[in-house]
Amino acid sequence: TSGGHPQRQDNTSHVVSFWHIPGGCDYSNA
């Protein structure tokens, strides 16, 4: 909904990397 894709596309020009931290606090499984 932000205009992105979860997988690389042929026309990809930019990538945003971000952390996913399970439960918002499980840093050992980030």
PDB file of all heavy atoms in Angstrom:
ATOM      1  N   THR A   1       0.830  -1.214   0.000  1.00  0.00           N
ATOM      2  CA  THR A   1       0.000   0.000   0.000  1.00  0.00           C
ATOM      3  C   THR A   1       0.859   1.256   0.000  1.00  0.00           C
ATOM      4  O   THR A   1       0.359   2.337  -0.311  1.00  0.00           O
ATOM      5  CB  THR A   1      -0.971   0.032   1.202  1.00  0.00           C
ATOM      6  OG1 THR A   1      -0.241  -0.066   2.413  1.00  0.00           O
ATOM      7  CG2 THR A   1      -2.002  -1.070   1.116  1.00  0.00           C
ATOM      8  N   SER A   2       2.125   1.110   0.283  1.00  0.00           N
ATOM      9  CA  SER A   2       3.061   2.241   0.218  1.00  0.00           C
ATOM     10  C   SER A   2       3.716   2.352  -1.157  1.00  0.00           C
ATOM     11  O   SER A   2       4.578   3.203  -1.371  1.00  0.00           O
ATOM     12  CB  SER A   2       4.146   2.094   1.286  1.00  0.00           C
ATOM     13  OG  SER A   2       3.580   2.127   2.571  1.00  0.00           O
ATOM     14  N   GLY A   3       3.336   1.458  -2.081  1.00  0.00           N
ATOM     15  CA  GLY A   3       3.891   1.484  -3.427  1.00  0.00           C
ATOM     16  C   GLY A   3       5.075   0.572  -3.622  1.00  0.00           C
ATOM     17  O   GLY A   3       5.707   0.586  -4.683  1.00  0.00           O
ATOM     18  N   GLY A   4       5.396  -0.236  -2.624  1.00  0.00           N
ATOM     19  CA  GLY A   4       6.548  -1.120  -2.710  1.00  0.00           C
ATOM     20  C   GLY A   4       6.166  -2.550  -2.992  1.00  0.00           C
ATOM     21  O   GLY A   4       4.996  -2.883  -3.173  1.00  0.00           O
ATOM     22  N   HIS A   5       7.178  -3.394  -3.042  1.00  0.00           N
ATOM     23  CA  HIS A   5       7.007  -4.827  -3.278  1.00  0.00           C
ATOM     24  C   HIS A   5       7.884  -5.582  -2.288  1.00  0.00           C
ATOM     25  O   HIS A   5       8.987  -5.136  -1.964  1.00  0.00           O
ATOM     26  CB  HIS A   5       7.440  -5.200  -4.699  1.00  0.00           C
ATOM     27  CG  HIS A   5       6.630  -4.541  -5.755  1.00  0.00           C
ATOM     28  ND1 HIS A   5       5.419  -5.017  -6.179  1.00  0.00           N
ATOM     29  CD2 HIS A   5       6.846  -3.402  -6.458  1.00  0.00           C
ATOM     30  CE1 HIS A   5       4.930  -4.224  -7.106  1.00  0.00           C
ATOM     31  NE2 HIS A   5       5.779  -3.224  -7.291  1.00  0.00           N
ATOM     32  N   PRO A   6       7.432  -6.742  -1.829  1.00  0.00           N
ATOM     33  CA  PRO A   6       8.263  -7.536  -0.921  1.00  0.00           C
ATOM     34  C   PRO A   6       9.391  -8.270  -1.650  1.00  0.00           C
ATOM     35  O   PRO A   6      10.301  -8.778  -1.013  1.00  0.00           O
ATOM     36  CB  PRO A   6       7.270  -8.520  -0.311  1.00  0.00           C
ATOM     37  CG  PRO A   6       6.178  -8.629  -1.320  1.00  0.00           C
ATOM     38  CD  PRO A   6       6.107  -7.299  -2.001  1.00  0.00           C
ATOM     39  N   GLN A   7       9.334  -8.307  -2.986  1.00  0.00           N
ATOM     40  CA  GLN A   7      10.372  -8.959  -3.781  1.00  0.00           C
ATOM     41  C   GLN A   7      10.871  -7.989  -4.845  1.00  0.00           C
ATOM     42  O   GLN A   7      10.127  -7.139  -5.323  1.00  0.00           O
ATOM     43  CB  GLN A   7       9.839 -10.215  -4.447  1.00  0.00           C
ATOM     44  CG  GLN A   7       9.428 -11.276  -3.458  1.00  0.00           C
ATOM     45  CD  GLN A   7       8.881 -12.507  -4.156  1.00  0.00           C
ATOM     46  OE1 GLN A   7       8.339 -12.442  -5.242  1.00  0.00           O
ATOM     47  NE2 GLN A   7       9.037 -13.647  -3.507  1.00  0.00           N
ATOM     48  N   ARG A   8      12.109  -8.161  -5.225  1.00  0.00           N
ATOM     49  CA  ARG A   8      12.715  -7.307  -6.250  1.00  0.00           C
ATOM     50  C   ARG A   8      11.973  -7.465  -7.583  1.00  0.00           C
ATOM     51  O   ARG A   8      11.639  -8.575  -7.983  1.00  0.00           O
ATOM     52  CB  ARG A   8      14.181  -7.685  -6.406  1.00  0.00           C
ATOM     53  CG  ARG A   8      14.951  -6.769  -7.302  1.00  0.00           C
ATOM     54  CD  ARG A   8      16.414  -7.142  -7.246  1.00  0.00           C
ATOM     55  NE  ARG A   8      17.196  -6.251  -8.076  1.00  0.00           N
ATOM     56  CZ  ARG A   8      18.471  -6.001  -7.887  1.00  0.00           C
ATOM     57  NH1 ARG A   8      19.112  -6.593  -6.900  1.00  0.00           N
ATOM     58  NH2 ARG A   8      19.124  -5.189  -8.670  1.00  0.00           N
ATOM     59  N   GLN A   9      11.740  -6.339  -8.239  1.00  0.00           N
ATOM     60  CA  GLN A   9      11.085  -6.306  -9.542  1.00  0.00           C
ATOM     61  C   GLN A   9      12.085  -5.828 -10.597  1.00  0.00           C
ATOM     62  O   GLN A   9      13.131  -5.271 -10.262  1.00  0.00           O
ATOM     63  CB  GLN A   9       9.886  -5.350  -9.498  1.00  0.00           C
ATOM     64  CG  GLN A   9       8.893  -5.621  -8.389  1.00  0.00           C
ATOM     65  CD  GLN A   9       8.157  -6.927  -8.581  1.00  0.00           C
ATOM     66  OE1 GLN A   9       7.581  -7.167  -9.633  1.00  0.00           O
ATOM     67  NE2 GLN A   9       8.212  -7.790  -7.572  1.00  0.00           N
ATOM     68  N   ASP A  10      11.759  -6.013 -11.864  1.00  0.00           N
ATOM     69  CA  ASP A  10      12.644  -5.556 -12.943  1.00  0.00           C
ATOM     70  C   ASP A  10      12.881  -4.050 -12.909  1.00  0.00           C
ATOM     71  O   ASP A  10      13.943  -3.578 -13.293  1.00  0.00           O
ATOM     72  CB  ASP A  10      12.077  -5.936 -14.308  1.00  0.00           C
ATOM     73  CG  ASP A  10      12.133  -7.435 -14.561  1.00  0.00           C
ATOM     74  OD1 ASP A  10      12.947  -8.127 -13.906  1.00  0.00           O
ATOM     75  OD2 ASP A  10      11.376  -7.910 -15.418  1.00  0.00           O
ATOM     76  N   ASN A  11      11.885  -3.296 -12.449  1.00  0.00           N
ATOM     77  CA  ASN A  11      11.988  -1.826 -12.429  1.00  0.00           C
ATOM     78  C   ASN A  11      12.371  -1.260 -11.063  1.00  0.00           C
ATOM     79  O   ASN A  11      12.261  -0.063 -10.835  1.00  0.00           O
ATOM     80  CB  ASN A  11      10.687  -1.197 -12.918  1.00  0.00           C
ATOM     81  CG  ASN A  11       9.509  -1.520 -12.017  1.00  0.00           C
ATOM     82  OD1 ASN A  11       9.570  -2.418 -11.183  1.00  0.00           O
ATOM     83  ND2 ASN A  11       8.419  -0.797 -12.199  1.00  0.00           N
ATOM     84  N   THR A  12      12.856  -2.090 -10.155  1.00  0.00           N
ATOM     85  CA  THR A  12      13.253  -1.614  -8.831  1.00  0.00           C
ATOM     86  C   THR A  12      14.406  -0.626  -8.941  1.00  0.00           C
ATOM     87  O   THR A  12      15.395  -0.900  -9.610  1.00  0.00           O
ATOM     88  CB  THR A  12      13.677  -2.793  -7.928  1.00  0.00           C
ATOM     89  OG1 THR A  12      12.543  -3.637  -7.711  1.00  0.00           O
ATOM     90  CG2 THR A  12      14.211  -2.313  -6.593  1.00  0.00           C
ATOM     91  N   SER A  13      14.235   0.522  -8.286  1.00  0.00           N
ATOM     92  CA  SER A  13      15.303   1.530  -8.283  1.00  0.00           C
ATOM     93  C   SER A  13      15.799   1.828  -6.867  1.00  0.00           C
ATOM     94  O   SER A  13      16.910   2.317  -6.702  1.00  0.00           O
ATOM     95  CB  SER A  13      14.820   2.825  -8.933  1.00  0.00           C
ATOM     96  OG  SER A  13      13.739   3.387  -8.200  1.00  0.00           O
ATOM     97  N   HIS A  14      14.974   1.527  -5.848  1.00  0.00           N
ATOM     98  CA  HIS A  14      15.333   1.817  -4.457  1.00  0.00           C
ATOM     99  C   HIS A  14      14.911   0.671  -3.549  1.00  0.00           C
ATOM    100  O   HIS A  14      13.939  -0.031  -3.836  1.00  0.00           O
ATOM    101  CB  HIS A  14      14.665   3.114  -3.988  1.00  0.00           C
ATOM    102  CG  HIS A  14      15.276   4.315  -4.616  1.00  0.00           C
ATOM    103  ND1 HIS A  14      15.006   4.693  -5.912  1.00  0.00           N
ATOM    104  CD2 HIS A  14      16.169   5.204  -4.139  1.00  0.00           C
ATOM    105  CE1 HIS A  14      15.705   5.764  -6.205  1.00  0.00           C
ATOM    106  NE2 HIS A  14      16.426   6.098  -5.153  1.00  0.00           N
ATOM    107  N   VAL A  15      15.655   0.509  -2.477  1.00  0.00           N
ATOM    108  CA  VAL A  15      15.370  -0.518  -1.481  1.00  0.00           C
ATOM    109  C   VAL A  15      15.342   0.142  -0.113  1.00  0.00           C
ATOM    110  O   VAL A  15      16.190   0.967   0.208  1.00  0.00           O
ATOM    111  CB  VAL A  15      16.476  -1.606  -1.477  1.00  0.00           C
ATOM    112  CG1 VAL A  15      16.165  -2.679  -0.449  1.00  0.00           C
ATOM    113  CG2 VAL A  15      16.639  -2.205  -2.842  1.00  0.00           C
ATOM    114  N   VAL A  16      14.358  -0.229   0.691  1.00  0.00           N
ATOM    115  CA  VAL A  16      14.316   0.223   2.082  1.00  0.00           C
ATOM    116  C   VAL A  16      14.502  -1.017   2.950  1.00  0.00           C
ATOM    117  O   VAL A  16      13.740  -1.972   2.856  1.00  0.00           O
ATOM    118  CB  VAL A  16      12.991   0.930   2.425  1.00  0.00           C
ATOM    119  CG1 VAL A  16      12.971   1.339   3.892  1.00  0.00           C
ATOM    120  CG2 VAL A  16      12.775   2.146   1.522  1.00  0.00           C
ATOM    121  N   SER A  17      15.558  -1.001   3.744  1.00  0.00           N
ATOM    122  CA  SER A  17      15.790  -2.099   4.681  1.00  0.00           C
ATOM    123  C   SER A  17      15.282  -1.658   6.052  1.00  0.00           C
ATOM    124  O   SER A  17      15.355  -0.486   6.402  1.00  0.00           O
ATOM    125  CB  SER A  17      17.270  -2.455   4.747  1.00  0.00           C
ATOM    126  OG  SER A  17      18.023  -1.347   5.179  1.00  0.00           O
ATOM    127  N   PHE A  18      14.751  -2.614   6.797  1.00  0.00           N
ATOM    128  CA  PHE A  18      14.230  -2.299   8.123  1.00  0.00           C
ATOM    129  C   PHE A  18      14.267  -3.560   8.982  1.00  0.00           C
ATOM    130  O   PHE A  18      14.290  -4.671   8.473  1.00  0.00           O
ATOM    131  CB  PHE A  18      12.807  -1.728   8.043  1.00  0.00           C
ATOM    132  CG  PHE A  18      11.819  -2.634   7.358  1.00  0.00           C
ATOM    133  CD1 PHE A  18      11.045  -3.521   8.079  1.00  0.00           C
ATOM    134  CD2 PHE A  18      11.675  -2.605   5.980  1.00  0.00           C
ATOM    135  CE1 PHE A  18      10.146  -4.360   7.452  1.00  0.00           C
ATOM    136  CE2 PHE A  18      10.778  -3.444   5.329  1.00  0.00           C
ATOM    137  CZ  PHE A  18      10.009  -4.320   6.070  1.00  0.00           C
ATOM    138  N   TRP A  19      14.295  -3.347  10.283  1.00  0.00           N
ATOM    139  CA  TRP A  19      14.326  -4.448  11.232  1.00  0.00           C
ATOM    140  C   TRP A  19      12.916  -4.927  11.539  1.00  0.00           C
ATOM    141  O   TRP A  19      11.997  -4.131  11.681  1.00  0.00           O
ATOM    142  CB  TRP A  19      14.976  -4.016  12.540  1.00  0.00           C
ATOM    143  CG  TRP A  19      16.450  -3.905  12.436  1.00  0.00           C
ATOM    144  CD1 TRP A  19      17.173  -2.759  12.252  1.00  0.00           C
ATOM    145  CD2 TRP A  19      17.390  -4.965  12.491  1.00  0.00           C
ATOM    146  NE1 TRP A  19      18.503  -3.041  12.189  1.00  0.00           N
ATOM    147  CE2 TRP A  19      18.671  -4.394  12.336  1.00  0.00           C
ATOM    148  CE3 TRP A  19      17.286  -6.340  12.657  1.00  0.00           C
ATOM    149  CZ2 TRP A  19      19.827  -5.159  12.345  1.00  0.00           C
ATOM    150  CZ3 TRP A  19      18.441  -7.096  12.660  1.00  0.00           C
ATOM    151  CH2 TRP A  19      19.695  -6.507  12.514  1.00  0.00           C
ATOM    152  N   HIS A  20      12.762  -6.240  11.658  1.00  0.00           N
ATOM    153  CA  HIS A  20      11.545  -6.843  12.192  1.00  0.00           C
ATOM    154  C   HIS A  20      11.943  -7.497  13.502  1.00  0.00           C
ATOM    155  O   HIS A  20      12.789  -8.398  13.526  1.00  0.00           O
ATOM    156  CB  HIS A  20      10.955  -7.882  11.243  1.00  0.00           C
ATOM    157  CG  HIS A  20       9.862  -8.674  11.888  1.00  0.00           C
ATOM    158  ND1 HIS A  20       8.637  -8.129  12.189  1.00  0.00           N
ATOM    159  CD2 HIS A  20       9.834  -9.955  12.318  1.00  0.00           C
ATOM    160  CE1 HIS A  20       7.889  -9.053  12.782  1.00  0.00           C
ATOM    161  NE2 HIS A  20       8.598 -10.167  12.866  1.00  0.00           N
ATOM    162  N   ILE A  21      11.365  -7.024  14.581  1.00  0.00           N
ATOM    163  CA  ILE A  21      11.669  -7.554  15.908  1.00  0.00           C
ATOM    164  C   ILE A  21      10.398  -8.221  16.436  1.00  0.00           C
ATOM    165  O   ILE A  21       9.428  -7.534  16.765  1.00  0.00           O
ATOM    166  CB  ILE A  21      12.155  -6.444  16.859  1.00  0.00           C
ATOM    167  CG1 ILE A  21      13.399  -5.790  16.246  1.00  0.00           C
ATOM    168  CG2 ILE A  21      12.424  -7.001  18.251  1.00  0.00           C
ATOM    169  CD1 ILE A  21      13.827  -4.512  16.896  1.00  0.00           C
ATOM    170  N   PRO A  22      10.387  -9.554  16.464  1.00  0.00           N
ATOM    171  CA  PRO A  22       9.185 -10.269  16.893  1.00  0.00           C
ATOM    172  C   PRO A  22       8.687  -9.796  18.259  1.00  0.00           C
ATOM    173  O   PRO A  22       9.475  -9.665  19.203  1.00  0.00           O
ATOM    174  CB  PRO A  22       9.631 -11.729  16.946  1.00  0.00           C
ATOM    175  CG  PRO A  22      10.782 -11.801  15.996  1.00  0.00           C
ATOM    176  CD  PRO A  22      11.472 -10.472  16.130  1.00  0.00           C
ATOM    177  N   GLY A  23       7.398  -9.507  18.316  1.00  0.00           N
ATOM    178  CA  GLY A  23       6.793  -9.056  19.565  1.00  0.00           C
ATOM    179  C   GLY A  23       7.267  -7.683  20.003  1.00  0.00           C
ATOM    180  O   GLY A  23       6.918  -7.223  21.083  1.00  0.00           O
ATOM    181  N   GLY A  24       8.082  -7.042  19.195  1.00  0.00           N
ATOM    182  CA  GLY A  24       8.591  -5.717  19.536  1.00  0.00           C
ATOM    183  C   GLY A  24       9.692  -5.732  20.583  1.00  0.00           C
ATOM    184  O   GLY A  24      10.207  -4.682  20.963  1.00  0.00           O
ATOM    185  N   CYS A  25      10.093  -6.928  21.044  1.00  0.00           N
ATOM    186  CA  CYS A  25      11.111  -6.976  22.093  1.00  0.00           C
ATOM    187  C   CYS A  25      12.043  -8.183  22.007  1.00  0.00           C
ATOM    188  O   CYS A  25      12.987  -8.290  22.771  1.00  0.00           O
ATOM    189  CB  CYS A  25      10.449  -6.942  23.463  1.00  0.00           C
ATOM    190  SG  CYS A  25       9.345  -8.326  23.760  1.00  0.00           S
ATOM    191  N   ASP A  26      11.803  -9.079  21.067  1.00  0.00           N
ATOM    192  CA  ASP A  26      12.612 -10.297  20.957  1.00  0.00           C
ATOM    193  C   ASP A  26      13.802 -10.036  20.032  1.00  0.00           C
ATOM    194  O   ASP A  26      13.866 -10.504  18.894  1.00  0.00           O
ATOM    195  CB  ASP A  26      11.752 -11.440  20.431  1.00  0.00           C
ATOM    196  CG  ASP A  26      12.483 -12.768  20.432  1.00  0.00           C
ATOM    197  OD1 ASP A  26      13.661 -12.817  20.853  1.00  0.00           O
ATOM    198  OD2 ASP A  26      11.874 -13.771  20.011  1.00  0.00           O
ATOM    199  N   TYR A  27      14.786  -9.304  20.534  1.00  0.00           N
ATOM    200  CA  TYR A  27      15.921  -8.893  19.724  1.00  0.00           C
ATOM    201  C   TYR A  27      16.802 -10.062  19.292  1.00  0.00           C
ATOM    202  O   TYR A  27      17.481  -9.985  18.279  1.00  0.00           O
ATOM    203  CB  TYR A  27      16.754  -7.846  20.468  1.00  0.00           C
ATOM    204  CG  TYR A  27      16.020  -6.541  20.596  1.00  0.00           C
ATOM    205  CD1 TYR A  27      15.245  -6.270  21.719  1.00  0.00           C
ATOM    206  CD2 TYR A  27      16.079  -5.595  19.588  1.00  0.00           C
ATOM    207  CE1 TYR A  27      14.555  -5.076  21.828  1.00  0.00           C
ATOM    208  CE2 TYR A  27      15.398  -4.395  19.688  1.00  0.00           C
ATOM    209  CZ  TYR A  27      14.624  -4.144  20.817  1.00  0.00           C
ATOM    210  OH  TYR A  27      13.932  -2.970  20.913  1.00  0.00           O
ATOM    211  N   SER A  28      16.778 -11.158  20.025  1.00  0.00           N
ATOM    212  CA  SER A  28      17.606 -12.304  19.658  1.00  0.00           C
ATOM    213  C   SER A  28      17.111 -12.968  18.368  1.00  0.00           C
ATOM    214  O   SER A  28      17.860 -13.690  17.719  1.00  0.00           O
ATOM    215  CB  SER A  28      17.664 -13.320  20.793  1.00  0.00           C
ATOM    216  OG  SER A  28      16.380 -13.824  21.076  1.00  0.00           O
ATOM    217  N   ASN A  29      15.865 -12.720  18.000  1.00  0.00           N
ATOM    218  CA  ASN A  29      15.298 -13.276  16.772  1.00  0.00           C
ATOM    219  C   ASN A  29      14.987 -12.200  15.730  1.00  0.00           C
ATOM    220  O   ASN A  29      14.211 -12.436  14.803  1.00  0.00           O
ATOM    221  CB  ASN A  29      14.041 -14.095  17.081  1.00  0.00           C
ATOM    222  CG  ASN A  29      14.386 -15.389  17.793  1.00  0.00           C
ATOM    223  OD1 ASN A  29      15.231 -16.148  17.333  1.00  0.00           O
ATOM    224  ND2 ASN A  29      13.763 -15.621  18.925  1.00  0.00           N
ATOM    225  N   ALA A  30      15.597 -11.040  15.865  1.00  0.00           N
ATOM    226  CA  ALA A  30      15.370  -9.940  14.930  1.00  0.00           C
ATOM    227  C   ALA A  30      15.929 -10.290  13.552  1.00  0.00           C
ATOM    228  O   ALA A  30      16.923 -11.005  13.433  1.00  0.00           O
ATOM    229  CB  ALA A  30      16.020  -8.666  15.452  1.00  0.00           C
TER     230      ALA A  30
END
